Amino acid sequence: MSDPVKLYDEADKLKDAGKLEEAAAKLNEALTLDPGYSLAHSALAVVLQKLGQHEEAIQHARRACELEQNDPFSFTALSVTYQRAFAGTQNMQYIRMAEDAMEQSRILQSRH
């Protein structure tokens, strides 16, 4: 059986090499083994965003926030994912969602 952390590390190297489809496959494999691996969800959101798969990227960024409900960085990353989705689609709905996610990040930061 493969190790999700090893798969994540392999995916990171593939992403850095510009092999985005392969990186996404490795991250999906890691998530098959450990669906609660929030770092893999976050990384997959970044890779999918680069591939122009905005809705799928948002789903993974949201899942990372669900798994890490008290982590301001996860909500900041979700905001960035929404911003990039707006840049790719010009759908104003994403701007509002980005602002909401950033506000949640600020709230969480103020608690620490």
PDB file of N, CA and C in Angstrom:
ATOM      1  N   MET A   1       0.845  -1.187   0.000  1.00  0.00           N
ATOM      2  CA  MET A   1       0.000   0.000   0.000  1.00  0.00           C
ATOM      3  C   MET A   1       0.889   1.248   0.000  1.00  0.00           C
ATOM      4  N   SER A   2       0.487   2.214  -0.753  1.00  0.00           N
ATOM      5  CA  SER A   2       1.230   3.464  -0.830  1.00  0.00           C
ATOM      6  C   SER A   2       0.962   4.313   0.407  1.00  0.00           C
ATOM      7  N   ASP A   3       1.871   5.215   0.651  1.00  0.00           N
ATOM      8  CA  ASP A   3       1.778   6.134   1.768  1.00  0.00           C
ATOM      9  C   ASP A   3       1.287   7.486   1.252  1.00  0.00           C
ATOM     10  N   PRO A   4       0.197   8.036   1.817  1.00  0.00           N
ATOM     11  CA  PRO A   4      -0.319   9.316   1.332  1.00  0.00           C
ATOM     12  C   PRO A   4       0.710  10.452   1.377  1.00  0.00           C
ATOM     13  N   VAL A   5       1.558  10.455   2.393  1.00  0.00           N
ATOM     14  CA  VAL A   5       2.568  11.512   2.499  1.00  0.00           C
ATOM     15  C   VAL A   5       3.600  11.388   1.381  1.00  0.00           C
ATOM     16  N   LYS A   6       3.990  10.160   1.076  1.00  0.00           N
ATOM     17  CA  LYS A   6       4.931   9.956  -0.039  1.00  0.00           C
ATOM     18  C   LYS A   6       4.303  10.393  -1.354  1.00  0.00           C
ATOM     19  N   LEU A   7       3.045  10.058  -1.535  1.00  0.00           N
ATOM     20  CA  LEU A   7       2.337  10.458  -2.754  1.00  0.00           C
ATOM     21  C   LEU A   7       2.242  11.978  -2.844  1.00  0.00           C
ATOM     22  N   TYR A   8       1.996  12.624  -1.710  1.00  0.00           N
ATOM     23  CA  TYR A   8       1.957  14.089  -1.681  1.00  0.00           C
ATOM     24  C   TYR A   8       3.318  14.657  -2.103  1.00  0.00           C
ATOM     25  N   ASP A   9       4.382  14.104  -1.544  1.00  0.00           N
ATOM     26  CA  ASP A   9       5.729  14.579  -1.879  1.00  0.00           C
ATOM     27  C   ASP A   9       6.032  14.383  -3.367  1.00  0.00           C
ATOM     28  N   GLU A  10       5.624  13.242  -3.908  1.00  0.00           N
ATOM     29  CA  GLU A  10       5.814  12.982  -5.338  1.00  0.00           C
ATOM     30  C   GLU A  10       5.015  13.996  -6.167  1.00  0.00           C
ATOM     31  N   ALA A  11       3.805  14.261  -5.739  1.00  0.00           N
ATOM     32  CA  ALA A  11       2.954  15.220  -6.450  1.00  0.00           C
ATOM     33  C   ALA A  11       3.575  16.613  -6.421  1.00  0.00           C
ATOM     34  N   ASP A  12       4.154  16.977  -5.300  1.00  0.00           N
ATOM     35  CA  ASP A  12       4.782  18.295  -5.175  1.00  0.00           C
ATOM     36  C   ASP A  12       5.930  18.434  -6.177  1.00  0.00           C
ATOM     37  N   LYS A  13       6.712  17.397  -6.318  1.00  0.00           N
ATOM     38  CA  LYS A  13       7.820  17.421  -7.288  1.00  0.00           C
ATOM     39  C   LYS A  13       7.289  17.504  -8.720  1.00  0.00           C
ATOM     40  N   LEU A  14       6.238  16.764  -9.003  1.00  0.00           N
ATOM     41  CA  LEU A  14       5.630  16.805 -10.338  1.00  0.00           C
ATOM     42  C   LEU A  14       5.067  18.194 -10.636  1.00  0.00           C
ATOM     43  N   LYS A  15       4.427  18.795  -9.637  1.00  0.00           N
ATOM     44  CA  LYS A  15       3.890  20.152  -9.809  1.00  0.00           C
ATOM     45  C   LYS A  15       5.022  21.123 -10.120  1.00  0.00           C
ATOM     46  N   ASP A  16       6.107  21.024  -9.365  1.00  0.00           N
ATOM     47  CA  ASP A  16       7.249  21.910  -9.589  1.00  0.00           C
ATOM     48  C   ASP A  16       7.864  21.717 -10.968  1.00  0.00           C
ATOM     49  N   ALA A  17       7.739  20.512 -11.505  1.00  0.00           N
ATOM     50  CA  ALA A  17       8.261  20.208 -12.835  1.00  0.00           C
ATOM     51  C   ALA A  17       7.270  20.569 -13.938  1.00  0.00           C
ATOM     52  N   GLY A  18       6.115  21.108 -13.552  1.00  0.00           N
ATOM     53  CA  GLY A  18       5.121  21.496 -14.536  1.00  0.00           C
ATOM     54  C   GLY A  18       4.248  20.353 -15.025  1.00  0.00           C
ATOM     55  N   LYS A  19       4.330  19.213 -14.374  1.00  0.00           N
ATOM     56  CA  LYS A  19       3.533  18.044 -14.765  1.00  0.00           C
ATOM     57  C   LYS A  19       2.254  18.022 -13.921  1.00  0.00           C
ATOM     58  N   LEU A  20       1.365  18.937 -14.251  1.00  0.00           N
ATOM     59  CA  LEU A  20       0.195  19.171 -13.417  1.00  0.00           C
ATOM     60  C   LEU A  20      -0.802  18.013 -13.425  1.00  0.00           C
ATOM     61  N   GLU A  21      -1.034  17.440 -14.574  1.00  0.00           N
ATOM     62  CA  GLU A  21      -1.975  16.308 -14.646  1.00  0.00           C
ATOM     63  C   GLU A  21      -1.472  15.143 -13.794  1.00  0.00           C
ATOM     64  N   GLU A  22      -0.176  14.867 -13.878  1.00  0.00           N
ATOM     65  CA  GLU A  22       0.406  13.784 -13.085  1.00  0.00           C
ATOM     66  C   GLU A  22       0.356  14.105 -11.598  1.00  0.00           C
ATOM     67  N   ALA A  23       0.603  15.376 -11.258  1.00  0.00           N
ATOM     68  CA  ALA A  23       0.526  15.791  -9.858  1.00  0.00           C
ATOM     69  C   ALA A  23      -0.889  15.599  -9.327  1.00  0.00           C
ATOM     70  N   ALA A  24      -1.876  15.988 -10.120  1.00  0.00           N
ATOM     71  CA  ALA A  24      -3.270  15.814  -9.707  1.00  0.00           C
ATOM     72  C   ALA A  24      -3.593  14.340  -9.485  1.00  0.00           C
ATOM     73  N   ALA A  25      -3.099  13.481 -10.347  1.00  0.00           N
ATOM     74  CA  ALA A  25      -3.347  12.043 -10.195  1.00  0.00           C
ATOM     75  C   ALA A  25      -2.747  11.520  -8.890  1.00  0.00           C
ATOM     76  N   LYS A  26      -1.537  11.950  -8.556  1.00  0.00           N
ATOM     77  CA  LYS A  26      -0.891  11.510  -7.308  1.00  0.00           C
ATOM     78  C   LYS A  26      -1.671  12.005  -6.094  1.00  0.00           C
ATOM     79  N   LEU A  27      -2.114  13.251  -6.156  1.00  0.00           N
ATOM     80  CA  LEU A  27      -2.868  13.798  -5.034  1.00  0.00           C
ATOM     81  C   LEU A  27      -4.210  13.090  -4.878  1.00  0.00           C
ATOM     82  N   ASN A  28      -4.849  12.779  -5.992  1.00  0.00           N
ATOM     83  CA  ASN A  28      -6.101  12.014  -5.912  1.00  0.00           C
ATOM     84  C   ASN A  28      -5.861  10.636  -5.324  1.00  0.00           C
ATOM     85  N   GLU A  29      -4.734  10.039  -5.668  1.00  0.00           N
ATOM     86  CA  GLU A  29      -4.379   8.734  -5.113  1.00  0.00           C
ATOM     87  C   GLU A  29      -4.178   8.853  -3.596  1.00  0.00           C
ATOM     88  N   ALA A  30      -3.483   9.905  -3.169  1.00  0.00           N
ATOM     89  CA  ALA A  30      -3.278  10.126  -1.732  1.00  0.00           C
ATOM     90  C   ALA A  30      -4.609  10.294  -1.015  1.00  0.00           C
ATOM     91  N   LEU A  31      -5.534  11.007  -1.641  1.00  0.00           N
ATOM     92  CA  LEU A  31      -6.835  11.242  -1.022  1.00  0.00           C
ATOM     93  C   LEU A  31      -7.714   9.996  -1.025  1.00  0.00           C
ATOM     94  N   THR A  32      -7.477   9.110  -1.962  1.00  0.00           N
ATOM     95  CA  THR A  32      -8.186   7.831  -1.936  1.00  0.00           C
ATOM     96  C   THR A  32      -7.770   7.041  -0.702  1.00  0.00           C
ATOM     97  N   LEU A  33      -6.485   7.119  -0.385  1.00  0.00           N
ATOM     98  CA  LEU A  33      -5.970   6.418   0.790  1.00  0.00           C
ATOM     99  C   LEU A  33      -6.346   7.112   2.094  1.00  0.00           C
ATOM    100  N   ASP A  34      -6.378   8.447   2.068  1.00  0.00           N
ATOM    101  CA  ASP A  34      -6.696   9.215   3.270  1.00  0.00           C
ATOM    102  C   ASP A  34      -7.545  10.434   2.888  1.00  0.00           C
ATOM    103  N   PRO A  35      -8.867  10.260   2.833  1.00  0.00           N
ATOM    104  CA  PRO A  35      -9.751  11.355   2.434  1.00  0.00           C
ATOM    105  C   PRO A  35      -9.694  12.570   3.360  1.00  0.00           C
ATOM    106  N   GLY A  36      -9.155  12.403   4.547  1.00  0.00           N
ATOM    107  CA  GLY A  36      -9.057  13.492   5.496  1.00  0.00           C
ATOM    108  C   GLY A  36      -7.724  14.213   5.492  1.00  0.00           C
ATOM    109  N   TYR A  37      -6.923  13.973   4.483  1.00  0.00           N
ATOM    110  CA  TYR A  37      -5.585  14.571   4.388  1.00  0.00           C
ATOM    111  C   TYR A  37      -5.735  15.994   3.842  1.00  0.00           C
ATOM    112  N   SER A  38      -5.881  16.950   4.755  1.00  0.00           N
ATOM    113  CA  SER A  38      -6.209  18.321   4.359  1.00  0.00           C
ATOM    114  C   SER A  38      -5.132  18.964   3.493  1.00  0.00           C
ATOM    115  N   LEU A  39      -3.866  18.665   3.761  1.00  0.00           N
ATOM    116  CA  LEU A  39      -2.794  19.249   2.962  1.00  0.00           C
ATOM    117  C   LEU A  39      -2.893  18.797   1.501  1.00  0.00           C
ATOM    118  N   ALA A  40      -3.292  17.560   1.278  1.00  0.00           N
ATOM    119  CA  ALA A  40      -3.462  17.068  -0.092  1.00  0.00           C
ATOM    120  C   ALA A  40      -4.651  17.763  -0.769  1.00  0.00           C
ATOM    121  N   HIS A  41      -5.704  18.026  -0.010  1.00  0.00           N
ATOM    122  CA  HIS A  41      -6.835  18.768  -0.578  1.00  0.00           C
ATOM    123  C   HIS A  41      -6.387  20.165  -0.996  1.00  0.00           C
ATOM    124  N   SER A  42      -5.619  20.825  -0.136  1.00  0.00           N
ATOM    125  CA  SER A  42      -5.130  22.171  -0.454  1.00  0.00           C
ATOM    126  C   SER A  42      -4.235  22.161  -1.684  1.00  0.00           C
ATOM    127  N   ALA A  43      -3.336  21.199  -1.737  1.00  0.00           N
ATOM    128  CA  ALA A  43      -2.421  21.110  -2.880  1.00  0.00           C
ATOM    129  C   ALA A  43      -3.182  20.800  -4.160  1.00  0.00           C
ATOM    130  N   LEU A  44      -4.169  19.926  -4.067  1.00  0.00           N
ATOM    131  CA  LEU A  44      -4.952  19.581  -5.253  1.00  0.00           C
ATOM    132  C   LEU A  44      -5.743  20.799  -5.727  1.00  0.00           C
ATOM    133  N   ALA A  45      -6.211  21.623  -4.816  1.00  0.00           N
ATOM    134  CA  ALA A  45      -6.904  22.855  -5.207  1.00  0.00           C
ATOM    135  C   ALA A  45      -5.984  23.741  -6.039  1.00  0.00           C
ATOM    136  N   VAL A  46      -4.735  23.861  -5.629  1.00  0.00           N
ATOM    137  CA  VAL A  46      -3.766  24.686  -6.366  1.00  0.00           C
ATOM    138  C   VAL A  46      -3.522  24.109  -7.757  1.00  0.00           C
ATOM    139  N   VAL A  47      -3.301  22.801  -7.821  1.00  0.00           N
ATOM    140  CA  VAL A  47      -3.016  22.157  -9.111  1.00  0.00           C
ATOM    141  C   VAL A  47      -4.214  22.277 -10.052  1.00  0.00           C
ATOM    142  N   LEU A  48      -5.398  22.000  -9.542  1.00  0.00           N
ATOM    143  CA  LEU A  48      -6.595  22.081 -10.378  1.00  0.00           C
ATOM    144  C   LEU A  48      -6.840  23.500 -10.860  1.00  0.00           C
ATOM    145  N   GLN A  49      -6.547  24.468  -9.997  1.00  0.00           N
ATOM    146  CA  GLN A  49      -6.696  25.869 -10.394  1.00  0.00           C
ATOM    147  C   GLN A  49      -5.785  26.168 -11.578  1.00  0.00           C
ATOM    148  N   LYS A  50      -4.555  25.683 -11.502  1.00  0.00           N
ATOM    149  CA  LYS A  50      -3.601  25.911 -12.595  1.00  0.00           C
ATOM    150  C   LYS A  50      -4.051  25.233 -13.882  1.00  0.00           C
ATOM    151  N   LEU A  51      -4.828  24.169 -13.737  1.00  0.00           N
ATOM    152  CA  LEU A  51      -5.361  23.455 -14.903  1.00  0.00           C
ATOM    153  C   LEU A  51      -6.662  24.081 -15.415  1.00  0.00           C
ATOM    154  N   GLY A  52      -7.124  25.129 -14.738  1.00  0.00           N
ATOM    155  CA  GLY A  52      -8.356  25.794 -15.154  1.00  0.00           C
ATOM    156  C   GLY A  52      -9.615  25.081 -14.711  1.00  0.00           C
ATOM    157  N   GLN A  53      -9.482  24.152 -13.793  1.00  0.00           N
ATOM    158  CA  GLN A  53     -10.629  23.400 -13.285  1.00  0.00           C
ATOM    159  C   GLN A  53     -11.115  24.059 -11.992  1.00  0.00           C
ATOM    160  N   HIS A  54     -11.737  25.218 -12.161  1.00  0.00           N
ATOM    161  CA  HIS A  54     -12.062  26.079 -11.032  1.00  0.00           C
ATOM    162  C   HIS A  54     -13.025  25.449 -10.027  1.00  0.00           C
ATOM    163  N   GLU A  55     -14.102  24.875 -10.493  1.00  0.00           N
ATOM    164  CA  GLU A  55     -15.087  24.306  -9.567  1.00  0.00           C
ATOM    165  C   GLU A  55     -14.492  23.164  -8.748  1.00  0.00           C
ATOM    166  N   GLU A  56     -13.707  22.313  -9.393  1.00  0.00           N
ATOM    167  CA  GLU A  56     -13.073  21.212  -8.683  1.00  0.00           C
ATOM    168  C   GLU A  56     -12.061  21.737  -7.674  1.00  0.00           C
ATOM    169  N   ALA A  57     -11.327  22.779  -8.059  1.00  0.00           N
ATOM    170  CA  ALA A  57     -10.358  23.391  -7.148  1.00  0.00           C
ATOM    171  C   ALA A  57     -11.071  23.937  -5.914  1.00  0.00           C
ATOM    172  N   ILE A  58     -12.192  24.599  -6.131  1.00  0.00           N
ATOM    173  CA  ILE A  58     -12.963  25.168  -5.025  1.00  0.00           C
ATOM    174  C   ILE A  58     -13.450  24.064  -4.090  1.00  0.00           C
ATOM    175  N   GLN A  59     -13.906  22.963  -4.642  1.00  0.00           N
ATOM    176  CA  GLN A  59     -14.378  21.846  -3.812  1.00  0.00           C
ATOM    177  C   GLN A  59     -13.282  21.358  -2.875  1.00  0.00           C
ATOM    178  N   HIS A  60     -12.063  21.250  -3.389  1.00  0.00           N
ATOM    179  CA  HIS A  60     -10.962  20.761  -2.547  1.00  0.00           C
ATOM    180  C   HIS A  60     -10.522  21.818  -1.540  1.00  0.00           C
ATOM    181  N   ALA A  61     -10.529  23.084  -1.922  1.00  0.00           N
ATOM    182  CA  ALA A  61     -10.184  24.145  -0.975  1.00  0.00           C
ATOM    183  C   ALA A  61     -11.226  24.216   0.145  1.00  0.00           C
ATOM    184  N   ARG A  62     -12.489  24.041  -0.210  1.00  0.00           N
ATOM    185  CA  ARG A  62     -13.551  24.027   0.809  1.00  0.00           C
ATOM    186  C   ARG A  62     -13.380  22.841   1.750  1.00  0.00           C
ATOM    187  N   ARG A  63     -13.031  21.693   1.177  1.00  0.00           N
ATOM    188  CA  ARG A  63     -12.850  20.494   2.005  1.00  0.00           C
ATOM    189  C   ARG A  63     -11.706  20.696   2.994  1.00  0.00           C
ATOM    190  N   ALA A  64     -10.641  21.345   2.561  1.00  0.00           N
ATOM    191  CA  ALA A  64      -9.531  21.634   3.475  1.00  0.00           C
ATOM    192  C   ALA A  64     -10.023  22.500   4.629  1.00  0.00           C
ATOM    193  N   CYS A  65     -10.896  23.458   4.346  1.00  0.00           N
ATOM    194  CA  CYS A  65     -11.453  24.313   5.409  1.00  0.00           C
ATOM    195  C   CYS A  65     -12.353  23.516   6.347  1.00  0.00           C
ATOM    196  N   GLU A  66     -13.098  22.581   5.804  1.00  0.00           N
ATOM    197  CA  GLU A  66     -13.946  21.735   6.647  1.00  0.00           C
ATOM    198  C   GLU A  66     -13.093  20.905   7.598  1.00  0.00           C
ATOM    199  N   LEU A  67     -11.975  20.419   7.087  1.00  0.00           N
ATOM    200  CA  LEU A  67     -11.087  19.578   7.895  1.00  0.00           C
ATOM    201  C   LEU A  67     -10.273  20.394   8.894  1.00  0.00           C
ATOM    202  N   GLU A  68      -9.979  21.623   8.548  1.00  0.00           N
ATOM    203  CA  GLU A  68      -9.151  22.507   9.396  1.00  0.00           C
ATOM    204  C   GLU A  68      -9.946  23.763   9.734  1.00  0.00           C
ATOM    205  N   GLN A  69     -11.028  23.592  10.446  1.00  0.00           N
ATOM    206  CA  GLN A  69     -11.980  24.672  10.695  1.00  0.00           C
ATOM    207  C   GLN A  69     -11.402  25.847  11.480  1.00  0.00           C
ATOM    208  N   ASN A  70     -10.323  25.644  12.189  1.00  0.00           N
ATOM    209  CA  ASN A  70      -9.732  26.712  12.992  1.00  0.00           C
ATOM    210  C   ASN A  70      -8.421  27.233  12.418  1.00  0.00           C
ATOM    211  N   ASP A  71      -8.137  26.884  11.168  1.00  0.00           N
ATOM    212  CA  ASP A  71      -6.880  27.275  10.538  1.00  0.00           C
ATOM    213  C   ASP A  71      -7.102  28.471   9.612  1.00  0.00           C
ATOM    214  N   PRO A  72      -6.627  29.662  10.008  1.00  0.00           N
ATOM    215  CA  PRO A  72      -6.823  30.836   9.159  1.00  0.00           C
ATOM    216  C   PRO A  72      -6.223  30.666   7.762  1.00  0.00           C
ATOM    217  N   PHE A  73      -5.089  29.967   7.672  1.00  0.00           N
ATOM    218  CA  PHE A  73      -4.444  29.809   6.367  1.00  0.00           C
ATOM    219  C   PHE A  73      -5.352  29.078   5.386  1.00  0.00           C
ATOM    220  N   SER A  74      -6.084  28.081   5.852  1.00  0.00           N
ATOM    221  CA  SER A  74      -6.979  27.339   4.948  1.00  0.00           C
ATOM    222  C   SER A  74      -8.019  28.265   4.334  1.00  0.00           C
ATOM    223  N   PHE A  75      -8.528  29.193   5.135  1.00  0.00           N
ATOM    224  CA  PHE A  75      -9.532  30.125   4.619  1.00  0.00           C
ATOM    225  C   PHE A  75      -8.905  31.180   3.713  1.00  0.00           C
ATOM    226  N   THR A  76      -7.663  31.569   4.007  1.00  0.00           N
ATOM    227  CA  THR A  76      -6.953  32.474   3.101  1.00  0.00           C
ATOM    228  C   THR A  76      -6.733  31.783   1.759  1.00  0.00           C
ATOM    229  N   ALA A  77      -6.332  30.512   1.797  1.00  0.00           N
ATOM    230  CA  ALA A  77      -6.129  29.754   0.561  1.00  0.00           C
ATOM    231  C   ALA A  77      -7.443  29.602  -0.210  1.00  0.00           C
ATOM    232  N   LEU A  78      -8.543  29.401   0.500  1.00  0.00           N
ATOM    233  CA  LEU A  78      -9.850  29.325  -0.153  1.00  0.00           C
ATOM    234  C   LEU A  78     -10.173  30.651  -0.826  1.00  0.00           C
ATOM    235  N   SER A  79      -9.876  31.756  -0.162  1.00  0.00           N
ATOM    236  CA  SER A  79     -10.106  33.071  -0.753  1.00  0.00           C
ATOM    237  C   SER A  79      -9.308  33.234  -2.044  1.00  0.00           C
ATOM    238  N   VAL A  80      -8.057  32.826  -2.019  1.00  0.00           N
ATOM    239  CA  VAL A  80      -7.212  32.917  -3.221  1.00  0.00           C
ATOM    240  C   VAL A  80      -7.780  32.031  -4.326  1.00  0.00           C
ATOM    241  N   THR A  81      -8.276  30.862  -3.967  1.00  0.00           N
ATOM    242  CA  THR A  81      -8.873  29.967  -4.960  1.00  0.00           C
ATOM    243  C   THR A  81     -10.070  30.631  -5.620  1.00  0.00           C
ATOM    244  N   TYR A  82     -10.908  31.286  -4.820  1.00  0.00           N
ATOM    245  CA  TYR A  82     -12.048  32.020  -5.382  1.00  0.00           C
ATOM    246  C   TYR A  82     -11.575  33.170  -6.277  1.00  0.00           C
ATOM    247  N   GLN A  83     -10.540  33.881  -5.850  1.00  0.00           N
ATOM    248  CA  GLN A  83     -10.025  34.991  -6.649  1.00  0.00           C
ATOM    249  C   GLN A  83      -9.521  34.505  -8.002  1.00  0.00           C
ATOM    250  N   ARG A  84      -8.839  33.382  -7.994  1.00  0.00           N
ATOM    251  CA  ARG A  84      -8.339  32.828  -9.259  1.00  0.00           C
ATOM    252  C   ARG A  84      -9.478  32.318 -10.128  1.00  0.00           C
ATOM    253  N   ALA A  85     -10.511  31.785  -9.496  1.00  0.00           N
ATOM    254  CA  ALA A  85     -11.686  31.364 -10.263  1.00  0.00           C
ATOM    255  C   ALA A  85     -12.333  32.578 -10.920  1.00  0.00           C
ATOM    256  N   PHE A  86     -12.390  33.696 -10.196  1.00  0.00           N
ATOM    257  CA  PHE A  86     -12.926  34.923 -10.795  1.00  0.00           C
ATOM    258  C   PHE A  86     -12.060  35.340 -11.985  1.00  0.00           C
ATOM    259  N   ALA A  87     -10.746  35.311 -11.807  1.00  0.00           N
ATOM    260  CA  ALA A  87      -9.839  35.717 -12.889  1.00  0.00           C
ATOM    261  C   ALA A  87     -10.035  34.849 -14.125  1.00  0.00           C
ATOM    262  N   GLY A  88     -10.356  33.577 -13.912  1.00  0.00           N
ATOM    263  CA  GLY A  88     -10.549  32.670 -15.039  1.00  0.00           C
ATOM    264  C   GLY A  88     -11.915  32.707 -15.663  1.00  0.00           C
ATOM    265  N   THR A  89     -12.905  33.223 -14.911  1.00  0.00           N
ATOM    266  CA  THR A  89     -14.288  33.163 -15.397  1.00  0.00           C
ATOM    267  C   THR A  89     -14.987  34.519 -15.463  1.00  0.00           C
ATOM    268  N   GLN A  90     -14.483  35.498 -14.729  1.00  0.00           N
ATOM    269  CA  GLN A  90     -15.119  36.812 -14.584  1.00  0.00           C
ATOM    270  C   GLN A  90     -16.490  36.722 -13.907  1.00  0.00           C
ATOM    271  N   ASN A  91     -16.746  35.655 -13.185  1.00  0.00           N
ATOM    272  CA  ASN A  91     -17.993  35.482 -12.451  1.00  0.00           C
ATOM    273  C   ASN A  91     -17.874  36.235 -11.122  1.00  0.00           C
ATOM    274  N   MET A  92     -18.643  37.305 -10.963  1.00  0.00           N
ATOM    275  CA  MET A  92     -18.566  38.161  -9.780  1.00  0.00           C
ATOM    276  C   MET A  92     -18.920  37.431  -8.482  1.00  0.00           C
ATOM    277  N   GLN A  93     -19.661  36.355  -8.583  1.00  0.00           N
ATOM    278  CA  GLN A  93     -20.007  35.559  -7.401  1.00  0.00           C
ATOM    279  C   GLN A  93     -18.736  35.124  -6.665  1.00  0.00           C
ATOM    280  N   TYR A  94     -17.688  34.836  -7.397  1.00  0.00           N
ATOM    281  CA  TYR A  94     -16.446  34.384  -6.771  1.00  0.00           C
ATOM    282  C   TYR A  94     -15.794  35.479  -5.932  1.00  0.00           C
ATOM    283  N   ILE A  95     -15.965  36.726  -6.310  1.00  0.00           N
ATOM    284  CA  ILE A  95     -15.394  37.826  -5.532  1.00  0.00           C
ATOM    285  C   ILE A  95     -16.061  37.895  -4.160  1.00  0.00           C
ATOM    286  N   ARG A  96     -17.365  37.796  -4.135  1.00  0.00           N
ATOM    287  CA  ARG A  96     -18.073  37.814  -2.851  1.00  0.00           C
ATOM    288  C   ARG A  96     -17.637  36.637  -1.979  1.00  0.00           C
ATOM    289  N   MET A  97     -17.505  35.486  -2.578  1.00  0.00           N
ATOM    290  CA  MET A  97     -17.090  34.304  -1.830  1.00  0.00           C
ATOM    291  C   MET A  97     -15.648  34.457  -1.320  1.00  0.00           C
ATOM    292  N   ALA A  98     -14.800  35.072  -2.126  1.00  0.00           N
ATOM    293  CA  ALA A  98     -13.410  35.317  -1.708  1.00  0.00           C
ATOM    294  C   ALA A  98     -13.386  36.249  -0.496  1.00  0.00           C
ATOM    295  N   GLU A  99     -14.212  37.268  -0.532  1.00  0.00           N
ATOM    296  CA  GLU A  99     -14.279  38.203   0.591  1.00  0.00           C
ATOM    297  C   GLU A  99     -14.786  37.519   1.856  1.00  0.00           C
ATOM    298  N   ASP A 100     -15.776  36.656   1.717  1.00  0.00           N
ATOM    299  CA  ASP A 100     -16.305  35.916   2.873  1.00  0.00           C
ATOM    300  C   ASP A 100     -15.240  35.000   3.471  1.00  0.00           C
ATOM    301  N   ALA A 101     -14.515  34.306   2.619  1.00  0.00           N
ATOM    302  CA  ALA A 101     -13.465  33.405   3.107  1.00  0.00           C
ATOM    303  C   ALA A 101     -12.353  34.188   3.802  1.00  0.00           C
ATOM    304  N   MET A 102     -11.990  35.340   3.255  1.00  0.00           N
ATOM    305  CA  MET A 102     -10.955  36.158   3.884  1.00  0.00           C
ATOM    306  C   MET A 102     -11.433  36.700   5.226  1.00  0.00           C
ATOM    307  N   GLU A 103     -12.698  37.055   5.319  1.00  0.00           N
ATOM    308  CA  GLU A 103     -13.244  37.518   6.590  1.00  0.00           C
ATOM    309  C   GLU A 103     -13.175  36.401   7.634  1.00  0.00           C
ATOM    310  N   GLN A 104     -13.483  35.188   7.228  1.00  0.00           N
ATOM    311  CA  GLN A 104     -13.390  34.054   8.157  1.00  0.00           C
ATOM    312  C   GLN A 104     -11.948  33.864   8.616  1.00  0.00           C
ATOM    313  N   SER A 105     -11.001  34.029   7.713  1.00  0.00           N
ATOM    314  CA  SER A 105      -9.585  33.942   8.082  1.00  0.00           C
ATOM    315  C   SER A 105      -9.225  34.996   9.121  1.00  0.00           C
ATOM    316  N   ARG A 106      -9.700  36.224   8.912  1.00  0.00           N
ATOM    317  CA  ARG A 106      -9.426  37.312   9.865  1.00  0.00           C
ATOM    318  C   ARG A 106     -10.024  37.013  11.241  1.00  0.00           C
ATOM    319  N   ILE A 107     -11.225  36.485  11.240  1.00  0.00           N
ATOM    320  CA  ILE A 107     -11.887  36.142  12.515  1.00  0.00           C
ATOM    321  C   ILE A 107     -11.048  35.102  13.247  1.00  0.00           C
ATOM    322  N   LEU A 108     -10.615  34.090  12.528  1.00  0.00           N
ATOM    323  CA  LEU A 108      -9.815  33.031  13.157  1.00  0.00           C
ATOM    324  C   LEU A 108      -8.472  33.565  13.653  1.00  0.00           C
ATOM    325  N   GLN A 109      -7.868  34.463  12.896  1.00  0.00           N
ATOM    326  CA  GLN A 109      -6.586  35.049  13.308  1.00  0.00           C
ATOM    327  C   GLN A 109      -6.741  35.863  14.591  1.00  0.00           C
ATOM    328  N   SER A 110      -7.848  36.534  14.726  1.00  0.00           N
ATOM    329  CA  SER A 110      -8.061  37.373  15.905  1.00  0.00           C
ATOM    330  C   SER A 110      -8.248  36.535  17.168  1.00  0.00           C
ATOM    331  N   ARG A 111      -8.590  35.291  17.003  1.00  0.00           N
ATOM    332  CA  ARG A 111      -8.805  34.391  18.156  1.00  0.00           C
ATOM    333  C   ARG A 111      -7.490  33.836  18.698  1.00  0.00           C
ATOM    334  N   HIS A 112      -6.425  33.930  17.903  1.00  0.00           N
ATOM    335  CA  HIS A 112      -5.132  33.348  18.317  1.00  0.00           C
ATOM    336  C   HIS A 112      -4.272  34.343  19.018  1.00  0.00           C
TER     337      HIS A 112
END
